[in-house]
Amino acid sequence: MNSKYLMRCVVLVVLSMLSAAAFAESRVAFVDADKVVENSPQYEAARAAIQKEFSRRENDLLSKQKYLKKLEAKAAKNAAIMSESEVKRLERDIITRRRQLKNAKQEFREDLTLRQNEEFNKLRRQVIEVIKEVGKEKNLDLVFSVGVVYANKRVDISDQVLKRLRKRFKKKR
């Protein structure tokens, strides 16, 4: 049994040395994808486009909310001097408008989230494409992104990827 155990240990040591040598020959790099995305001009352009696209609806919601508050204030202030039918009509109007506003806000949030996800996924595809290009040009075997605790600046290609994204953005303009 001792000889089998010794043989297994020798085999494990040899295999670990071989895999360490193979890993040492591998060329690896790291990309801070969050940094690349958040600092890319594409991100800022998408953010501005979405803001422009949704600003009218957002302003409409705000004005509806202000009007609802005015109605609520009017109901609170004038309920004592209004007829019972006027109070009930105003209360129904407030309830209806409150419900409509709630639904409109929910729809707005859903549409905004959907649009943001569309733009983010488009940008993510561009970033991955550029990472692959840089990786091939630098003859890299592996590029890490998420879950890296430490990366030496020597293997961090984030700035190179960001530079290439900026170039692409300028070409499209």
C-alpha atoms as a PDB file:
ATOM      1  CA  MET A   1       0.000   0.000   0.000  1.00  0.00           C
ATOM      2  CA  ASN A   2       2.836   2.395   0.719  1.00  0.00           C
ATOM      3  CA  SER A   3       4.216   1.998  -2.785  1.00  0.00           C
ATOM      4  CA  LYS A   4       0.794   2.723  -4.339  1.00  0.00           C
ATOM      5  CA  TYR A   5       0.415   5.793  -2.150  1.00  0.00           C
ATOM      6  CA  LEU A   6       3.925   6.966  -3.023  1.00  0.00           C
ATOM      7  CA  MET A   7       3.259   6.407  -6.718  1.00  0.00           C
ATOM      8  CA  ARG A   8       0.033   8.440  -6.548  1.00  0.00           C
ATOM      9  CA  CYS A   9       1.849  11.289  -4.806  1.00  0.00           C
ATOM     10  CA  VAL A  10       4.581  11.291  -7.452  1.00  0.00           C
ATOM     11  CA  VAL A  11       1.996  11.321 -10.242  1.00  0.00           C
ATOM     12  CA  LEU A  12       0.091  14.192  -8.599  1.00  0.00           C
ATOM     13  CA  VAL A  13       3.275  16.229  -8.156  1.00  0.00           C
ATOM     14  CA  VAL A  14       4.305  15.666 -11.777  1.00  0.00           C
ATOM     15  CA  LEU A  15       0.823  16.568 -13.056  1.00  0.00           C
ATOM     16  CA  SER A  16       0.683  19.720 -10.962  1.00  0.00           C
ATOM     17  CA  MET A  17       4.107  20.777 -12.242  1.00  0.00           C
ATOM     18  CA  LEU A  18       3.026  20.158 -15.832  1.00  0.00           C
ATOM     19  CA  SER A  19      -0.176  22.136 -15.439  1.00  0.00           C
ATOM     20  CA  ALA A  20       1.699  24.969 -13.700  1.00  0.00           C
ATOM     21  CA  ALA A  21       4.180  25.051 -16.577  1.00  0.00           C
ATOM     22  CA  ALA A  22       1.365  25.018 -19.119  1.00  0.00           C
ATOM     23  CA  PHE A  23      -0.407  27.845 -17.285  1.00  0.00           C
ATOM     24  CA  ALA A  24       2.822  29.860 -17.112  1.00  0.00           C
ATOM     25  CA  GLU A  25       3.071  29.659 -20.907  1.00  0.00           C
ATOM     26  CA  SER A  26      -0.508  30.815 -21.311  1.00  0.00           C
ATOM     27  CA  ARG A  27      -1.040  34.468 -21.990  1.00  0.00           C
ATOM     28  CA  VAL A  28      -3.821  35.898 -19.874  1.00  0.00           C
ATOM     29  CA  ALA A  29      -5.299  39.356 -19.451  1.00  0.00           C
ATOM     30  CA  PHE A  30      -7.957  41.098 -17.429  1.00  0.00           C
ATOM     31  CA  VAL A  31     -10.669  43.578 -18.440  1.00  0.00           C
ATOM     32  CA  ASP A  32     -12.649  45.689 -16.005  1.00  0.00           C
ATOM     33  CA  ALA A  33     -15.867  45.484 -18.018  1.00  0.00           C
ATOM     34  CA  ASP A  34     -17.762  47.867 -15.738  1.00  0.00           C
ATOM     35  CA  LYS A  35     -15.074  50.524 -16.157  1.00  0.00           C
ATOM     36  CA  VAL A  36     -15.023  50.035 -19.916  1.00  0.00           C
ATOM     37  CA  VAL A  37     -18.798  50.284 -20.259  1.00  0.00           C
ATOM     38  CA  GLU A  38     -19.275  53.237 -17.897  1.00  0.00           C
ATOM     39  CA  ASN A  39     -16.446  55.268 -19.444  1.00  0.00           C
ATOM     40  CA  SER A  40     -17.277  54.560 -23.070  1.00  0.00           C
ATOM     41  CA  PRO A  41     -18.783  57.298 -25.224  1.00  0.00           C
ATOM     42  CA  GLN A  42     -21.348  54.753 -26.413  1.00  0.00           C
ATOM     43  CA  TYR A  43     -22.675  54.495 -22.852  1.00  0.00           C
ATOM     44  CA  GLU A  44     -23.022  58.260 -22.523  1.00  0.00           C
ATOM     45  CA  ALA A  45     -24.657  58.534 -25.965  1.00  0.00           C
ATOM     46  CA  ALA A  46     -27.141  55.767 -25.122  1.00  0.00           C
ATOM     47  CA  ARG A  47     -27.923  57.376 -21.774  1.00  0.00           C
ATOM     48  CA  ALA A  48     -28.524  60.761 -23.425  1.00  0.00           C
ATOM     49  CA  ALA A  49     -30.680  59.220 -26.170  1.00  0.00           C
ATOM     50  CA  ILE A  50     -32.814  57.386 -23.626  1.00  0.00           C
ATOM     51  CA  GLN A  51     -33.149  60.553 -21.545  1.00  0.00           C
ATOM     52  CA  LYS A  52     -34.285  62.475 -24.616  1.00  0.00           C
ATOM     53  CA  GLU A  53     -36.648  59.688 -25.664  1.00  0.00           C
ATOM     54  CA  PHE A  54     -38.356  59.461 -22.262  1.00  0.00           C
ATOM     55  CA  SER A  55     -38.194  63.066 -21.010  1.00  0.00           C
ATOM     56  CA  ARG A  56     -41.541  64.089 -22.525  1.00  0.00           C
ATOM     57  CA  ARG A  57     -43.333  61.180 -20.857  1.00  0.00           C
ATOM     58  CA  GLU A  58     -41.570  61.879 -17.571  1.00  0.00           C
ATOM     59  CA  ASN A  59     -42.595  65.540 -17.683  1.00  0.00           C
ATOM     60  CA  ASP A  60     -46.161  64.509 -18.515  1.00  0.00           C
ATOM     61  CA  LEU A  61     -46.224  62.242 -15.457  1.00  0.00           C
ATOM     62  CA  LEU A  62     -44.888  65.040 -13.269  1.00  0.00           C
ATOM     63  CA  SER A  63     -47.546  67.474 -14.476  1.00  0.00           C
ATOM     64  CA  LYS A  64     -50.284  64.876 -13.880  1.00  0.00           C
ATOM     65  CA  GLN A  65     -48.929  64.334 -10.382  1.00  0.00           C
ATOM     66  CA  LYS A  66     -48.950  68.086  -9.683  1.00  0.00           C
ATOM     67  CA  TYR A  67     -52.511  68.378 -10.954  1.00  0.00           C
ATOM     68  CA  LEU A  68     -53.578  65.468  -8.743  1.00  0.00           C
ATOM     69  CA  LYS A  69     -52.030  67.181  -5.712  1.00  0.00           C
ATOM     70  CA  LYS A  70     -53.946  70.369  -6.571  1.00  0.00           C
ATOM     71  CA  LEU A  71     -57.182  68.404  -6.751  1.00  0.00           C
ATOM     72  CA  GLU A  72     -56.439  66.737  -3.414  1.00  0.00           C
ATOM     73  CA  ALA A  73     -55.682  70.125  -1.848  1.00  0.00           C
ATOM     74  CA  LYS A  74     -58.876  71.560  -3.322  1.00  0.00           C
ATOM     75  CA  ALA A  75     -60.886  68.640  -1.922  1.00  0.00           C
ATOM     76  CA  ALA A  76     -59.351  69.045   1.519  1.00  0.00           C
ATOM     77  CA  LYS A  77     -59.775  72.817   1.542  1.00  0.00           C
ATOM     78  CA  ASN A  78     -63.243  73.141   0.023  1.00  0.00           C
ATOM     79  CA  ALA A  79     -65.004  69.956   1.157  1.00  0.00           C
ATOM     80  CA  ALA A  80     -66.885  71.835   3.864  1.00  0.00           C
ATOM     81  CA  ILE A  81     -68.341  74.378   1.438  1.00  0.00           C
ATOM     82  CA  MET A  82     -69.033  71.977  -1.455  1.00  0.00           C
ATOM     83  CA  SER A  83     -72.238  70.036  -1.921  1.00  0.00           C
ATOM     84  CA  GLU A  84     -72.198  66.321  -1.160  1.00  0.00           C
ATOM     85  CA  SER A  85     -72.510  65.427  -4.840  1.00  0.00           C
ATOM     86  CA  GLU A  86     -69.600  67.737  -5.747  1.00  0.00           C
ATOM     87  CA  VAL A  87     -67.439  66.169  -3.028  1.00  0.00           C
ATOM     88  CA  LYS A  88     -68.263  62.642  -4.249  1.00  0.00           C
ATOM     89  CA  ARG A  89     -67.596  63.598  -7.872  1.00  0.00           C
ATOM     90  CA  LEU A  90     -64.268  65.169  -6.912  1.00  0.00           C
ATOM     91  CA  GLU A  91     -63.304  62.145  -4.794  1.00  0.00           C
ATOM     92  CA  ARG A  92     -64.117  59.782  -7.691  1.00  0.00           C
ATOM     93  CA  ASP A  93     -62.107  61.991 -10.028  1.00  0.00           C
ATOM     94  CA  ILE A  94     -59.151  61.935  -7.613  1.00  0.00           C
ATOM     95  CA  ILE A  95     -59.337  58.141  -7.217  1.00  0.00           C
ATOM     96  CA  THR A  96     -59.537  57.651 -10.992  1.00  0.00           C
ATOM     97  CA  ARG A  97     -56.640  60.011 -11.661  1.00  0.00           C
ATOM     98  CA  ARG A  98     -54.562  58.418  -8.891  1.00  0.00           C
ATOM     99  CA  ARG A  99     -55.122  54.963 -10.421  1.00  0.00           C
ATOM    100  CA  GLN A 100     -54.327  56.229 -13.921  1.00  0.00           C
ATOM    101  CA  LEU A 101     -51.168  57.918 -12.660  1.00  0.00           C
ATOM    102  CA  LYS A 102     -50.053  54.770 -10.856  1.00  0.00           C
ATOM    103  CA  ASN A 103     -50.585  52.695 -14.017  1.00  0.00           C
ATOM    104  CA  ALA A 104     -48.836  55.277 -16.193  1.00  0.00           C
ATOM    105  CA  LYS A 105     -45.834  55.357 -13.830  1.00  0.00           C
ATOM    106  CA  GLN A 106     -45.616  51.561 -13.852  1.00  0.00           C
ATOM    107  CA  GLU A 107     -45.795  51.470 -17.650  1.00  0.00           C
ATOM    108  CA  PHE A 108     -43.163  54.213 -17.850  1.00  0.00           C
ATOM    109  CA  ARG A 109     -40.781  52.314 -15.551  1.00  0.00           C
ATOM    110  CA  GLU A 110     -41.255  49.092 -17.521  1.00  0.00           C
ATOM    111  CA  ASP A 111     -40.682  50.817 -20.870  1.00  0.00           C
ATOM    112  CA  LEU A 112     -37.637  52.651 -19.527  1.00  0.00           C
ATOM    113  CA  THR A 113     -36.120  49.476 -18.090  1.00  0.00           C
ATOM    114  CA  LEU A 114     -36.743  47.595 -21.326  1.00  0.00           C
ATOM    115  CA  ARG A 115     -35.123  50.349 -23.382  1.00  0.00           C
ATOM    116  CA  GLN A 116     -32.127  50.590 -21.029  1.00  0.00           C
ATOM    117  CA  ASN A 117     -31.635  46.826 -21.252  1.00  0.00           C
ATOM    118  CA  GLU A 118     -31.766  46.966 -25.057  1.00  0.00           C
ATOM    119  CA  GLU A 119     -29.079  49.635 -25.179  1.00  0.00           C
ATOM    120  CA  PHE A 120     -26.942  47.948 -22.525  1.00  0.00           C
ATOM    121  CA  ASN A 121     -27.052  44.623 -24.379  1.00  0.00           C
ATOM    122  CA  LYS A 122     -26.073  46.341 -27.627  1.00  0.00           C
ATOM    123  CA  LEU A 123     -23.137  48.010 -25.855  1.00  0.00           C
ATOM    124  CA  ARG A 124     -22.181  44.757 -24.125  1.00  0.00           C
ATOM    125  CA  ARG A 125     -21.966  43.024 -27.528  1.00  0.00           C
ATOM    126  CA  GLN A 126     -19.711  45.819 -28.808  1.00  0.00           C
ATOM    127  CA  VAL A 127     -17.462  45.546 -25.749  1.00  0.00           C
ATOM    128  CA  ILE A 128     -17.156  41.766 -26.125  1.00  0.00           C
ATOM    129  CA  GLU A 129     -16.328  42.180 -29.810  1.00  0.00           C
ATOM    130  CA  VAL A 130     -13.565  44.680 -29.014  1.00  0.00           C
ATOM    131  CA  ILE A 131     -12.205  42.500 -26.192  1.00  0.00           C
ATOM    132  CA  LYS A 132     -11.959  39.599 -28.642  1.00  0.00           C
ATOM    133  CA  GLU A 133     -10.176  41.798 -31.196  1.00  0.00           C
ATOM    134  CA  VAL A 134      -7.644  43.037 -28.646  1.00  0.00           C
ATOM    135  CA  GLY A 135      -7.187  39.502 -27.325  1.00  0.00           C
ATOM    136  CA  LYS A 136      -6.446  38.151 -30.804  1.00  0.00           C
ATOM    137  CA  GLU A 137      -4.070  41.012 -31.608  1.00  0.00           C
ATOM    138  CA  LYS A 138      -2.162  40.484 -28.361  1.00  0.00           C
ATOM    139  CA  ASN A 139      -2.208  36.715 -28.925  1.00  0.00           C
ATOM    140  CA  LEU A 140      -3.944  36.110 -25.597  1.00  0.00           C
ATOM    141  CA  ASP A 141      -5.182  32.701 -24.549  1.00  0.00           C
ATOM    142  CA  LEU A 142      -7.619  33.910 -21.928  1.00  0.00           C
ATOM    143  CA  VAL A 143      -9.241  37.209 -20.904  1.00  0.00           C
ATOM    144  CA  PHE A 144     -10.847  37.425 -17.452  1.00  0.00           C
ATOM    145  CA  SER A 145     -13.484  39.941 -16.549  1.00  0.00           C
ATOM    146  CA  VAL A 146     -15.583  39.125 -13.489  1.00  0.00           C
ATOM    147  CA  GLY A 147     -14.415  37.581 -10.251  1.00  0.00           C
ATOM    148  CA  VAL A 148     -10.813  38.771 -10.329  1.00  0.00           C
ATOM    149  CA  VAL A 149      -9.545  39.866  -6.944  1.00  0.00           C
ATOM    150  CA  TYR A 150      -6.266  41.296  -8.195  1.00  0.00           C
ATOM    151  CA  ALA A 151      -4.851  42.002 -11.640  1.00  0.00           C
ATOM    152  CA  ASN A 152      -1.448  43.472 -12.357  1.00  0.00           C
ATOM    153  CA  LYS A 153      -1.643  46.555 -14.583  1.00  0.00           C
ATOM    154  CA  ARG A 154       0.539  44.662 -17.046  1.00  0.00           C
ATOM    155  CA  VAL A 155      -2.300  42.224 -17.807  1.00  0.00           C
ATOM    156  CA  ASP A 156      -5.142  44.786 -17.577  1.00  0.00           C
ATOM    157  CA  ILE A 157      -6.307  45.595 -21.114  1.00  0.00           C
ATOM    158  CA  SER A 158      -9.292  47.711 -20.019  1.00  0.00           C
ATOM    159  CA  ASP A 159      -7.782  50.982 -21.234  1.00  0.00           C
ATOM    160  CA  GLN A 160      -6.916  49.473 -24.617  1.00  0.00           C
ATOM    161  CA  VAL A 161     -10.459  48.198 -25.042  1.00  0.00           C
ATOM    162  CA  LEU A 162     -11.872  51.569 -23.992  1.00  0.00           C
ATOM    163  CA  LYS A 163      -9.574  53.379 -26.428  1.00  0.00           C
ATOM    164  CA  ARG A 164     -10.762  51.165 -29.268  1.00  0.00           C
ATOM    165  CA  LEU A 165     -14.419  51.728 -28.329  1.00  0.00           C
ATOM    166  CA  ARG A 166     -13.829  55.484 -28.388  1.00  0.00           C
ATOM    167  CA  LYS A 167     -12.285  55.198 -31.864  1.00  0.00           C
ATOM    168  CA  ARG A 168     -15.291  53.262 -33.122  1.00  0.00           C
ATOM    169  CA  PHE A 169     -17.624  55.843 -31.656  1.00  0.00           C
ATOM    170  CA  LYS A 170     -15.802  58.684 -33.425  1.00  0.00           C
ATOM    171  CA  LYS A 171     -15.922  56.803 -36.740  1.00  0.00           C
ATOM    172  CA  LYS A 172     -19.695  56.402 -36.468  1.00  0.00           C
ATOM    173  CA  ARG A 173     -20.207  60.115 -35.774  1.00  0.00           C
END
